[in-house]
């Protein structure tokens, strides 16, 4: 593919890979993997040796991410030209008659309010049926990103301000986890792709995010090894050494103890071979850790999972 060209120290119109990741919503490691495999995005180099990317590729990367989220493989989306990507996105939006991006529609809002009422009444049947109806209507990606994520953000807010009890919050989480497990487990059993370990670190008891992640992995024909909450580090390491394991995904809650979490993640990174992929998501306050991919959102994770399956 050749070496990146060199530019002068005037960086007007250029952006770092971290900035490109934030602007496009695509993880840094995914961008680097695409560069190695497909030659895009291609960096230039400052005279100091730092890699930079032209700002004008951000729109194409956003289109690539959206096309992958629609179910296309990275091997197609990354190599498609911008006109082809725009046509795919335009057709998808017209077919669903939905606004672009993860904005709430009135249908979503109505659905969420109904779910909140079910939690208030501890109506398990109503909430399960509501989940099932939304899954069928919106599809897995929009069900999770546009319905489940904002729903639990509101559940958390209501618990914090005293409108919901701990029991109601636990009730909603249990129903959602059981529903999501019922979706991804059959897909995982039928999958013929590589294996991915999902676990919470010691002391971490919230595994809803792992179940949402498992859906995206299983939809990409990856096999899920679900270890769940409060998993000892030695068990994560032992499982990661199983044949055909492609990656370890760690879920951390926003309320996690960052000092303890950092210590555990560094220990895990040191215990596993450098070729072992480790990803973590759920806490946007976590500092960068060398050798650990940080997933900013479930939308980014969906693209990351598709890229992992495409290796």
C-alpha atoms as a PDB file:
ATOM      1  CA  UNK A   1       0.000   0.000   0.000  1.00  0.00           C
ATOM      2  CA  UNK A   2       3.033   2.297   0.257  1.00  0.00           C
ATOM      3  CA  UNK A   3       3.964   4.812   2.894  1.00  0.00           C
ATOM      4  CA  UNK A   4       1.777   7.746   3.972  1.00  0.00           C
ATOM      5  CA  UNK A   5       2.719  10.988   2.240  1.00  0.00           C
ATOM      6  CA  UNK A   6       4.322  13.748   4.317  1.00  0.00           C
ATOM      7  CA  UNK A   7       2.670  17.136   4.962  1.00  0.00           C
ATOM      8  CA  UNK A   8       4.048  20.281   6.490  1.00  0.00           C
ATOM      9  CA  UNK A   9       3.409  21.301  10.091  1.00  0.00           C
ATOM     10  CA  UNK A  10       0.413  23.379   8.989  1.00  0.00           C
ATOM     11  CA  UNK A  11      -2.373  20.924   9.796  1.00  0.00           C
ATOM     12  CA  UNK A  12      -5.359  22.948   8.634  1.00  0.00           C
ATOM     13  CA  UNK A  13      -7.862  20.458   7.262  1.00  0.00           C
ATOM     14  CA  UNK A  14      -6.344  17.468   9.050  1.00  0.00           C
ATOM     15  CA  UNK A  15      -7.360  15.488  12.138  1.00  0.00           C
ATOM     16  CA  UNK A  16      -5.783  12.892  14.436  1.00  0.00           C
ATOM     17  CA  UNK A  17      -7.050   9.321  14.446  1.00  0.00           C
ATOM     18  CA  UNK A  18      -8.636   9.933  17.846  1.00  0.00           C
ATOM     19  CA  UNK A  19     -10.461  12.968  16.492  1.00  0.00           C
ATOM     20  CA  UNK A  20     -11.461  11.029  13.390  1.00  0.00           C
ATOM     21  CA  UNK A  21     -12.886   8.298  15.619  1.00  0.00           C
ATOM     22  CA  UNK A  22     -14.968  10.792  17.603  1.00  0.00           C
ATOM     23  CA  UNK A  23     -16.174  12.589  14.469  1.00  0.00           C
ATOM     24  CA  UNK A  24     -17.156   9.409  12.635  1.00  0.00           C
ATOM     25  CA  UNK A  25     -18.328   7.248  15.552  1.00  0.00           C
ATOM     26  CA  UNK A  26     -15.957   4.441  14.533  1.00  0.00           C
ATOM     27  CA  UNK A  27     -13.492   2.943  17.013  1.00  0.00           C
ATOM     28  CA  UNK A  28      -9.799   3.757  16.550  1.00  0.00           C
ATOM     29  CA  UNK A  29      -8.798   0.101  16.221  1.00  0.00           C
ATOM     30  CA  UNK A  30     -11.474  -0.425  13.565  1.00  0.00           C
ATOM     31  CA  UNK A  31     -10.082   2.496  11.538  1.00  0.00           C
ATOM     32  CA  UNK A  32      -6.583   1.057  11.804  1.00  0.00           C
ATOM     33  CA  UNK A  33      -7.793  -2.402  10.792  1.00  0.00           C
ATOM     34  CA  UNK A  34      -9.591  -0.973   7.746  1.00  0.00           C
ATOM     35  CA  UNK A  35      -6.425   0.863   6.735  1.00  0.00           C
ATOM     36  CA  UNK A  36      -4.419  -2.384   6.930  1.00  0.00           C
ATOM     37  CA  UNK A  37      -7.006  -4.451   5.087  1.00  0.00           C
ATOM     38  CA  UNK A  38      -8.577  -2.047   2.609  1.00  0.00           C
ATOM     39  CA  UNK A  39      -6.210   0.923   2.368  1.00  0.00           C
ATOM     40  CA  UNK A  40      -8.833   3.323   3.758  1.00  0.00           C
ATOM     41  CA  UNK A  41      -8.786   5.652   5.615  1.00  0.00           C
ATOM     42  CA  UNK A  42      -5.270   6.472   4.469  1.00  0.00           C
ATOM     43  CA  UNK A  43      -3.232   8.836   6.677  1.00  0.00           C
ATOM     44  CA  UNK A  44      -0.680  11.438   5.802  1.00  0.00           C
ATOM     45  CA  UNK A  45       2.297  12.243   8.023  1.00  0.00           C
ATOM     46  CA  UNK A  46       3.494  15.470   9.582  1.00  0.00           C
ATOM     47  CA  UNK A  47       7.164  16.288   9.356  1.00  0.00           C
ATOM     48  CA  UNK A  48       7.267  15.274  13.031  1.00  0.00           C
ATOM     49  CA  UNK A  49       6.083  11.793  12.045  1.00  0.00           C
ATOM     50  CA  UNK A  50       2.574  12.071  13.493  1.00  0.00           C
ATOM     51  CA  UNK A  51      -0.204  10.534  11.396  1.00  0.00           C
ATOM     52  CA  UNK A  52      -3.117  12.789  10.369  1.00  0.00           C
ATOM     53  CA  UNK A  53      -6.251  12.284   8.272  1.00  0.00           C
ATOM     54  CA  UNK A  54      -8.040  14.764   5.980  1.00  0.00           C
ATOM     55  CA  UNK A  55     -11.292  16.129   7.421  1.00  0.00           C
ATOM     56  CA  UNK A  56     -13.120  15.569   4.148  1.00  0.00           C
ATOM     57  CA  UNK A  57     -13.279  11.779   4.713  1.00  0.00           C
ATOM     58  CA  UNK A  58     -15.452  12.113   7.827  1.00  0.00           C
ATOM     59  CA  UNK A  59     -18.713  12.132   5.864  1.00  0.00           C
ATOM     60  CA  UNK A  60     -17.738   8.996   3.945  1.00  0.00           C
ATOM     61  CA  UNK A  61     -16.840   7.241   7.202  1.00  0.00           C
ATOM     62  CA  UNK A  62     -20.190   8.177   8.715  1.00  0.00           C
ATOM     63  CA  UNK A  63     -21.917   6.703   5.674  1.00  0.00           C
ATOM     64  CA  UNK A  64     -19.803   3.544   5.943  1.00  0.00           C
ATOM     65  CA  UNK A  65     -20.795   3.171   9.602  1.00  0.00           C
ATOM     66  CA  UNK A  66     -24.483   3.607   8.767  1.00  0.00           C
ATOM     67  CA  UNK A  67     -24.318   1.091   5.912  1.00  0.00           C
ATOM     68  CA  UNK A  68     -22.633  -1.477   8.186  1.00  0.00           C
ATOM     69  CA  UNK A  69     -25.333  -0.875  10.793  1.00  0.00           C
ATOM     70  CA  UNK A  70     -27.874  -1.724   8.076  1.00  0.00           C
ATOM     71  CA  UNK A  71     -26.265  -5.164   7.805  1.00  0.00           C
ATOM     72  CA  UNK A  72     -23.639  -4.774   5.060  1.00  0.00           C
ATOM     73  CA  UNK A  73     -20.191  -6.294   5.531  1.00  0.00           C
ATOM     74  CA  UNK A  74     -17.229  -3.946   6.100  1.00  0.00           C
ATOM     75  CA  UNK A  75     -15.471  -5.581   3.142  1.00  0.00           C
ATOM     76  CA  UNK A  76     -18.183  -4.084   0.898  1.00  0.00           C
ATOM     77  CA  UNK A  77     -18.968  -0.830   2.705  1.00  0.00           C
ATOM     78  CA  UNK A  78     -15.387   0.407   3.132  1.00  0.00           C
ATOM     79  CA  UNK A  79     -14.564  -0.101  -0.543  1.00  0.00           C
ATOM     80  CA  UNK A  80     -17.823   1.368  -1.883  1.00  0.00           C
ATOM     81  CA  UNK A  81     -17.701   4.912  -3.212  1.00  0.00           C
ATOM     82  CA  UNK A  82     -19.587   7.730  -1.520  1.00  0.00           C
ATOM     83  CA  UNK A  83     -22.359   7.789  -4.134  1.00  0.00           C
ATOM     84  CA  UNK A  84     -23.079   4.071  -3.622  1.00  0.00           C
ATOM     85  CA  UNK A  85     -23.146   4.521   0.154  1.00  0.00           C
ATOM     86  CA  UNK A  86     -25.494   7.496  -0.091  1.00  0.00           C
ATOM     87  CA  UNK A  87     -27.863   5.518  -2.312  1.00  0.00           C
ATOM     88  CA  UNK A  88     -27.998   2.599   0.159  1.00  0.00           C
ATOM     89  CA  UNK A  89     -28.673   4.916   3.110  1.00  0.00           C
ATOM     90  CA  UNK A  90     -31.263   6.917   1.152  1.00  0.00           C
ATOM     91  CA  UNK A  91     -33.134   3.758   0.092  1.00  0.00           C
ATOM     92  CA  UNK A  92     -33.102   2.397   3.644  1.00  0.00           C
ATOM     93  CA  UNK A  93     -34.497   5.641   5.080  1.00  0.00           C
ATOM     94  CA  UNK A  94     -37.179   5.834   2.417  1.00  0.00           C
ATOM     95  CA  UNK A  95     -38.167   2.188   2.987  1.00  0.00           C
ATOM     96  CA  UNK A  96     -38.574   2.612   6.717  1.00  0.00           C
ATOM     97  CA  UNK A  97     -39.982   6.170   6.442  1.00  0.00           C
ATOM     98  CA  UNK A  98     -37.854   6.957   9.495  1.00  0.00           C
ATOM     99  CA  UNK A  99     -35.759  10.073  10.151  1.00  0.00           C
ATOM    100  CA  UNK A 100     -31.994   9.652   9.812  1.00  0.00           C
ATOM    101  CA  UNK A 101     -29.911   8.881  12.848  1.00  0.00           C
ATOM    102  CA  UNK A 102     -30.859   7.725  16.323  1.00  0.00           C
ATOM    103  CA  UNK A 103     -33.596  10.331  16.903  1.00  0.00           C
ATOM    104  CA  UNK A 104     -36.748   9.292  18.749  1.00  0.00           C
ATOM    105  CA  UNK A 105     -39.851   9.005  16.627  1.00  0.00           C
ATOM    106  CA  UNK A 106     -43.306   9.481  18.104  1.00  0.00           C
ATOM    107  CA  UNK A 107     -43.719   5.693  17.874  1.00  0.00           C
ATOM    108  CA  UNK A 108     -40.644   5.176  20.029  1.00  0.00           C
ATOM    109  CA  UNK A 109     -41.822   7.710  22.568  1.00  0.00           C
ATOM    110  CA  UNK A 110     -45.237   6.081  22.839  1.00  0.00           C
ATOM    111  CA  UNK A 111     -43.619   2.684  23.259  1.00  0.00           C
ATOM    112  CA  UNK A 112     -41.267   3.901  25.976  1.00  0.00           C
ATOM    113  CA  UNK A 113     -44.056   5.521  27.985  1.00  0.00           C
ATOM    114  CA  UNK A 114     -46.022   2.293  27.811  1.00  0.00           C
ATOM    115  CA  UNK A 115     -43.018   0.296  29.052  1.00  0.00           C
ATOM    116  CA  UNK A 116     -42.541   2.709  31.954  1.00  0.00           C
ATOM    117  CA  UNK A 117     -46.154   2.150  32.978  1.00  0.00           C
ATOM    118  CA  UNK A 118     -45.585  -1.603  32.949  1.00  0.00           C
ATOM    119  CA  UNK A 119     -42.592  -1.170  35.270  1.00  0.00           C
ATOM    120  CA  UNK A 120     -44.647   1.022  37.585  1.00  0.00           C
ATOM    121  CA  UNK A 121     -47.255  -1.768  37.866  1.00  0.00           C
ATOM    122  CA  UNK A 122     -44.679  -4.591  37.850  1.00  0.00           C
ATOM    123  CA  UNK A 123     -46.515  -6.008  34.840  1.00  0.00           C
ATOM    124  CA  UNK A 124     -44.110  -8.632  33.487  1.00  0.00           C
ATOM    125  CA  UNK A 125     -46.427  -9.891  30.747  1.00  0.00           C
ATOM    126  CA  UNK A 126     -47.080  -6.391  29.438  1.00  0.00           C
ATOM    127  CA  UNK A 127     -43.380  -5.484  29.396  1.00  0.00           C
ATOM    128  CA  UNK A 128     -42.372  -8.740  27.690  1.00  0.00           C
ATOM    129  CA  UNK A 129     -45.041  -8.291  25.020  1.00  0.00           C
ATOM    130  CA  UNK A 130     -43.949  -4.689  24.552  1.00  0.00           C
ATOM    131  CA  UNK A 131     -40.355  -5.780  23.996  1.00  0.00           C
ATOM    132  CA  UNK A 132     -41.437  -8.481  21.564  1.00  0.00           C
ATOM    133  CA  UNK A 133     -43.628  -6.099  19.573  1.00  0.00           C
ATOM    134  CA  UNK A 134     -40.882  -3.452  19.323  1.00  0.00           C
ATOM    135  CA  UNK A 135     -38.258  -6.040  18.342  1.00  0.00           C
ATOM    136  CA  UNK A 136     -40.453  -7.183  15.454  1.00  0.00           C
ATOM    137  CA  UNK A 137     -41.392  -3.657  14.411  1.00  0.00           C
ATOM    138  CA  UNK A 138     -38.031  -1.886  14.563  1.00  0.00           C
ATOM    139  CA  UNK A 139     -35.464  -4.673  14.151  1.00  0.00           C
ATOM    140  CA  UNK A 140     -32.639  -5.536  16.522  1.00  0.00           C
ATOM    141  CA  UNK A 141     -30.429  -2.484  16.008  1.00  0.00           C
ATOM    142  CA  UNK A 142     -33.112   0.174  16.456  1.00  0.00           C
ATOM    143  CA  UNK A 143     -34.844  -1.825  19.195  1.00  0.00           C
ATOM    144  CA  UNK A 144     -31.671  -1.684  21.273  1.00  0.00           C
ATOM    145  CA  UNK A 145     -30.286   1.751  20.400  1.00  0.00           C
ATOM    146  CA  UNK A 146     -33.539   3.701  20.056  1.00  0.00           C
ATOM    147  CA  UNK A 147     -35.724   1.882  22.596  1.00  0.00           C
ATOM    148  CA  UNK A 148     -33.876  -0.164  25.212  1.00  0.00           C
ATOM    149  CA  UNK A 149     -31.013   2.277  25.830  1.00  0.00           C
ATOM    150  CA  UNK A 150     -33.185   5.387  26.373  1.00  0.00           C
ATOM    151  CA  UNK A 151     -35.730   3.321  28.301  1.00  0.00           C
ATOM    152  CA  UNK A 152     -33.144   2.249  30.864  1.00  0.00           C
ATOM    153  CA  UNK A 153     -31.703   5.746  31.002  1.00  0.00           C
ATOM    154  CA  UNK A 154     -35.155   6.898  32.117  1.00  0.00           C
ATOM    155  CA  UNK A 155     -35.549   3.954  34.501  1.00  0.00           C
ATOM    156  CA  UNK A 156     -32.242   4.939  36.091  1.00  0.00           C
ATOM    157  CA  UNK A 157     -33.310   8.575  36.380  1.00  0.00           C
ATOM    158  CA  UNK A 158     -36.574   7.560  38.039  1.00  0.00           C
ATOM    159  CA  UNK A 159     -34.725   5.350  40.513  1.00  0.00           C
ATOM    160  CA  UNK A 160     -32.294   8.149  41.356  1.00  0.00           C
ATOM    161  CA  UNK A 161     -35.029  10.703  42.053  1.00  0.00           C
ATOM    162  CA  UNK A 162     -37.165   8.243  44.013  1.00  0.00           C
ATOM    163  CA  UNK A 163     -39.999   7.675  41.538  1.00  0.00           C
ATOM    164  CA  UNK A 164     -38.978   4.017  41.163  1.00  0.00           C
ATOM    165  CA  UNK A 165     -37.903   1.644  43.894  1.00  0.00           C
ATOM    166  CA  UNK A 166     -34.840  -0.591  43.698  1.00  0.00           C
ATOM    167  CA  UNK A 167     -37.250  -3.471  43.157  1.00  0.00           C
ATOM    168  CA  UNK A 168     -38.820  -1.804  40.124  1.00  0.00           C
ATOM    169  CA  UNK A 169     -35.401  -1.087  38.615  1.00  0.00           C
ATOM    170  CA  UNK A 170     -34.329  -4.709  39.176  1.00  0.00           C
ATOM    171  CA  UNK A 171     -37.649  -5.930  37.752  1.00  0.00           C
ATOM    172  CA  UNK A 172     -37.130  -4.012  34.502  1.00  0.00           C
ATOM    173  CA  UNK A 173     -33.531  -5.227  34.173  1.00  0.00           C
ATOM    174  CA  UNK A 174     -34.447  -8.872  34.722  1.00  0.00           C
ATOM    175  CA  UNK A 175     -37.244  -8.785  32.140  1.00  0.00           C
ATOM    176  CA  UNK A 176     -34.965  -7.114  29.579  1.00  0.00           C
ATOM    177  CA  UNK A 177     -32.043  -9.474  30.179  1.00  0.00           C
ATOM    178  CA  UNK A 178     -34.265 -12.538  29.862  1.00  0.00           C
ATOM    179  CA  UNK A 179     -35.802 -11.175  26.662  1.00  0.00           C
ATOM    180  CA  UNK A 180     -32.452 -10.335  25.062  1.00  0.00           C
ATOM    181  CA  UNK A 181     -30.988 -13.705  26.067  1.00  0.00           C
ATOM    182  CA  UNK A 182     -33.950 -15.344  24.358  1.00  0.00           C
ATOM    183  CA  UNK A 183     -32.981 -13.551  21.153  1.00  0.00           C
ATOM    184  CA  UNK A 184     -29.229 -14.056  21.063  1.00  0.00           C
ATOM    185  CA  UNK A 185     -28.842 -17.558  22.513  1.00  0.00           C
ATOM    186  CA  UNK A 186     -30.543 -19.404  19.605  1.00  0.00           C
ATOM    187  CA  UNK A 187     -28.521 -17.358  17.105  1.00  0.00           C
ATOM    188  CA  UNK A 188     -25.298 -18.086  18.976  1.00  0.00           C
ATOM    189  CA  UNK A 189     -26.026 -21.823  19.046  1.00  0.00           C
ATOM    190  CA  UNK A 190     -26.447 -21.817  15.258  1.00  0.00           C
ATOM    191  CA  UNK A 191     -23.438 -19.570  14.580  1.00  0.00           C
ATOM    192  CA  UNK A 192     -20.383 -20.969  12.836  1.00  0.00           C
ATOM    193  CA  UNK A 193     -18.094 -17.983  13.288  1.00  0.00           C
ATOM    194  CA  UNK A 194     -15.460 -17.373  15.939  1.00  0.00           C
ATOM    195  CA  UNK A 195     -16.144 -17.183  19.657  1.00  0.00           C
ATOM    196  CA  UNK A 196     -16.325 -14.076  21.851  1.00  0.00           C
ATOM    197  CA  UNK A 197     -16.141 -14.072  25.657  1.00  0.00           C
ATOM    198  CA  UNK A 198     -18.484 -11.649  27.458  1.00  0.00           C
ATOM    199  CA  UNK A 199     -17.914 -10.908  31.134  1.00  0.00           C
ATOM    200  CA  UNK A 200     -18.164  -8.352  33.918  1.00  0.00           C
ATOM    201  CA  UNK A 201     -15.113  -7.785  36.096  1.00  0.00           C
ATOM    202  CA  UNK A 202     -15.019  -8.886  39.756  1.00  0.00           C
ATOM    203  CA  UNK A 203     -17.529  -6.857  41.752  1.00  0.00           C
ATOM    204  CA  UNK A 204     -19.486  -5.786  38.627  1.00  0.00           C
ATOM    205  CA  UNK A 205     -23.094  -6.952  38.911  1.00  0.00           C
ATOM    206  CA  UNK A 206     -24.778  -5.179  35.959  1.00  0.00           C
ATOM    207  CA  UNK A 207     -24.840  -7.365  32.853  1.00  0.00           C
ATOM    208  CA  UNK A 208     -27.635  -5.771  30.786  1.00  0.00           C
ATOM    209  CA  UNK A 209     -25.056  -4.148  28.494  1.00  0.00           C
ATOM    210  CA  UNK A 210     -23.442  -7.533  27.901  1.00  0.00           C
ATOM    211  CA  UNK A 211     -26.766  -8.991  26.767  1.00  0.00           C
ATOM    212  CA  UNK A 212     -27.229  -6.116  24.313  1.00  0.00           C
ATOM    213  CA  UNK A 213     -23.690  -6.674  23.047  1.00  0.00           C
ATOM    214  CA  UNK A 214     -24.369 -10.399  22.686  1.00  0.00           C
ATOM    215  CA  UNK A 215     -27.239  -9.635  20.305  1.00  0.00           C
ATOM    216  CA  UNK A 216     -24.931  -7.785  17.887  1.00  0.00           C
ATOM    217  CA  UNK A 217     -22.306 -10.530  18.080  1.00  0.00           C
ATOM    218  CA  UNK A 218     -24.788 -13.333  17.441  1.00  0.00           C
ATOM    219  CA  UNK A 219     -26.395 -11.424  14.552  1.00  0.00           C
ATOM    220  CA  UNK A 220     -22.942 -11.436  12.956  1.00  0.00           C
ATOM    221  CA  UNK A 221     -22.775 -15.246  13.265  1.00  0.00           C
ATOM    222  CA  UNK A 222     -20.314 -15.151  16.167  1.00  0.00           C
ATOM    223  CA  UNK A 223     -20.572 -17.611  19.047  1.00  0.00           C
ATOM    224  CA  UNK A 224     -21.077 -16.017  22.458  1.00  0.00           C
ATOM    225  CA  UNK A 225     -19.454 -17.398  25.606  1.00  0.00           C
ATOM    226  CA  UNK A 226     -21.401 -15.523  28.281  1.00  0.00           C
ATOM    227  CA  UNK A 227     -19.697 -15.485  31.679  1.00  0.00           C
ATOM    228  CA  UNK A 228     -21.782 -12.645  33.081  1.00  0.00           C
ATOM    229  CA  UNK A 229     -21.502 -10.684  36.326  1.00  0.00           C
ATOM    230  CA  UNK A 230     -18.717 -10.733  38.886  1.00  0.00           C
ATOM    231  CA  UNK A 231     -16.383 -13.070  36.991  1.00  0.00           C
ATOM    232  CA  UNK A 232     -12.951 -13.778  38.524  1.00  0.00           C
ATOM    233  CA  UNK A 233     -10.093 -12.634  36.315  1.00  0.00           C
ATOM    234  CA  UNK A 234      -8.533 -16.093  36.236  1.00  0.00           C
ATOM    235  CA  UNK A 235     -11.779 -17.488  34.800  1.00  0.00           C
ATOM    236  CA  UNK A 236     -11.857 -14.829  32.086  1.00  0.00           C
ATOM    237  CA  UNK A 237      -8.243 -15.615  31.168  1.00  0.00           C
ATOM    238  CA  UNK A 238      -8.847 -19.378  31.161  1.00  0.00           C
ATOM    239  CA  UNK A 239     -11.910 -19.018  28.933  1.00  0.00           C
ATOM    240  CA  UNK A 240     -10.145 -16.610  26.565  1.00  0.00           C
ATOM    241  CA  UNK A 241      -7.573 -19.334  25.908  1.00  0.00           C
ATOM    242  CA  UNK A 242     -10.257 -21.665  24.511  1.00  0.00           C
ATOM    243  CA  UNK A 243      -9.961 -22.530  20.798  1.00  0.00           C
ATOM    244  CA  UNK A 244     -11.369 -20.052  18.259  1.00  0.00           C
ATOM    245  CA  UNK A 245     -11.856 -17.219  20.767  1.00  0.00           C
ATOM    246  CA  UNK A 246     -11.504 -13.968  18.813  1.00  0.00           C
ATOM    247  CA  UNK A 247     -12.020 -11.434  21.575  1.00  0.00           C
ATOM    248  CA  UNK A 248     -12.948 -10.712  25.178  1.00  0.00           C
ATOM    249  CA  UNK A 249     -15.644  -8.080  25.769  1.00  0.00           C
ATOM    250  CA  UNK A 250     -15.835  -6.515  29.235  1.00  0.00           C
ATOM    251  CA  UNK A 251     -18.876  -4.591  30.435  1.00  0.00           C
ATOM    252  CA  UNK A 252     -18.505  -1.798  32.987  1.00  0.00           C
ATOM    253  CA  UNK A 253     -21.321   0.258  34.491  1.00  0.00           C
ATOM    254  CA  UNK A 254     -21.226   4.046  34.528  1.00  0.00           C
ATOM    255  CA  UNK A 255     -21.082   3.825  38.330  1.00  0.00           C
ATOM    256  CA  UNK A 256     -18.070   1.473  38.365  1.00  0.00           C
ATOM    257  CA  UNK A 257     -15.071   2.151  40.588  1.00  0.00           C
ATOM    258  CA  UNK A 258     -12.595   3.399  37.969  1.00  0.00           C
ATOM    259  CA  UNK A 259      -9.484   2.729  40.053  1.00  0.00           C
ATOM    260  CA  UNK A 260     -10.451  -0.900  40.623  1.00  0.00           C
ATOM    261  CA  UNK A 261     -11.643  -1.306  37.040  1.00  0.00           C
ATOM    262  CA  UNK A 262      -8.371   0.026  35.636  1.00  0.00           C
ATOM    263  CA  UNK A 263      -6.387  -2.314  37.845  1.00  0.00           C
ATOM    264  CA  UNK A 264      -8.415  -5.332  36.722  1.00  0.00           C
ATOM    265  CA  UNK A 265      -8.211  -4.408  33.031  1.00  0.00           C
ATOM    266  CA  UNK A 266      -4.451  -3.920  33.171  1.00  0.00           C
ATOM    267  CA  UNK A 267      -4.079  -7.256  34.944  1.00  0.00           C
ATOM    268  CA  UNK A 268      -6.217  -8.908  32.282  1.00  0.00           C
ATOM    269  CA  UNK A 269      -4.197  -7.310  29.483  1.00  0.00           C
ATOM    270  CA  UNK A 270      -0.926  -8.523  31.022  1.00  0.00           C
ATOM    271  CA  UNK A 271      -2.283 -12.041  31.553  1.00  0.00           C
ATOM    272  CA  UNK A 272      -3.403 -12.544  27.954  1.00  0.00           C
ATOM    273  CA  UNK A 273      -1.185 -12.722  24.859  1.00  0.00           C
ATOM    274  CA  UNK A 274      -0.826  -9.431  22.975  1.00  0.00           C
ATOM    275  CA  UNK A 275      -2.697 -10.923  20.007  1.00  0.00           C
ATOM    276  CA  UNK A 276      -5.789 -11.420  22.204  1.00  0.00           C
ATOM    277  CA  UNK A 277      -8.348  -8.698  21.542  1.00  0.00           C
ATOM    278  CA  UNK A 278      -9.856  -7.032  24.619  1.00  0.00           C
ATOM    279  CA  UNK A 279     -12.708  -4.512  24.351  1.00  0.00           C
ATOM    280  CA  UNK A 280     -14.498  -2.640  27.123  1.00  0.00           C
ATOM    281  CA  UNK A 281     -17.629  -0.512  27.089  1.00  0.00           C
ATOM    282  CA  UNK A 282     -20.235   1.031  29.345  1.00  0.00           C
ATOM    283  CA  UNK A 283     -18.196   3.682  31.166  1.00  0.00           C
ATOM    284  CA  UNK A 284     -17.140   6.748  29.189  1.00  0.00           C
ATOM    285  CA  UNK A 285     -14.983   8.047  32.055  1.00  0.00           C
ATOM    286  CA  UNK A 286     -12.485   5.207  31.740  1.00  0.00           C
ATOM    287  CA  UNK A 287      -8.998   6.464  30.755  1.00  0.00           C
ATOM    288  CA  UNK A 288      -7.252   4.916  27.762  1.00  0.00           C
ATOM    289  CA  UNK A 289      -5.497   1.617  28.439  1.00  0.00           C
ATOM    290  CA  UNK A 290      -2.821   0.406  26.064  1.00  0.00           C
ATOM    291  CA  UNK A 291      -3.945  -2.741  24.283  1.00  0.00           C
ATOM    292  CA  UNK A 292      -7.614  -2.390  25.307  1.00  0.00           C
ATOM    293  CA  UNK A 293     -10.182  -1.140  22.791  1.00  0.00           C
ATOM    294  CA  UNK A 294     -12.728   1.215  24.301  1.00  0.00           C
ATOM    295  CA  UNK A 295     -16.195   1.108  22.739  1.00  0.00           C
ATOM    296  CA  UNK A 296     -17.980   4.448  23.025  1.00  0.00           C
ATOM    297  CA  UNK A 297     -21.561   3.300  22.355  1.00  0.00           C
ATOM    298  CA  UNK A 298     -23.644   0.322  21.331  1.00  0.00           C
ATOM    299  CA  UNK A 299     -23.938   1.766  17.829  1.00  0.00           C
ATOM    300  CA  UNK A 300     -20.144   1.722  17.606  1.00  0.00           C
ATOM    301  CA  UNK A 301     -20.101  -1.775  19.087  1.00  0.00           C
ATOM    302  CA  UNK A 302     -22.474  -2.994  16.346  1.00  0.00           C
ATOM    303  CA  UNK A 303     -19.972  -1.849  13.707  1.00  0.00           C
ATOM    304  CA  UNK A 304     -17.080  -3.280  15.732  1.00  0.00           C
ATOM    305  CA  UNK A 305     -18.825  -6.675  15.935  1.00  0.00           C
ATOM    306  CA  UNK A 306     -19.425  -6.712  12.169  1.00  0.00           C
ATOM    307  CA  UNK A 307     -15.747  -5.918  11.607  1.00  0.00           C
ATOM    308  CA  UNK A 308     -14.682  -8.664  14.021  1.00  0.00           C
ATOM    309  CA  UNK A 309     -16.822 -11.201  12.156  1.00  0.00           C
ATOM    310  CA  UNK A 310     -15.299 -10.093   8.874  1.00  0.00           C
ATOM    311  CA  UNK A 311     -11.729 -10.907   9.915  1.00  0.00           C
END
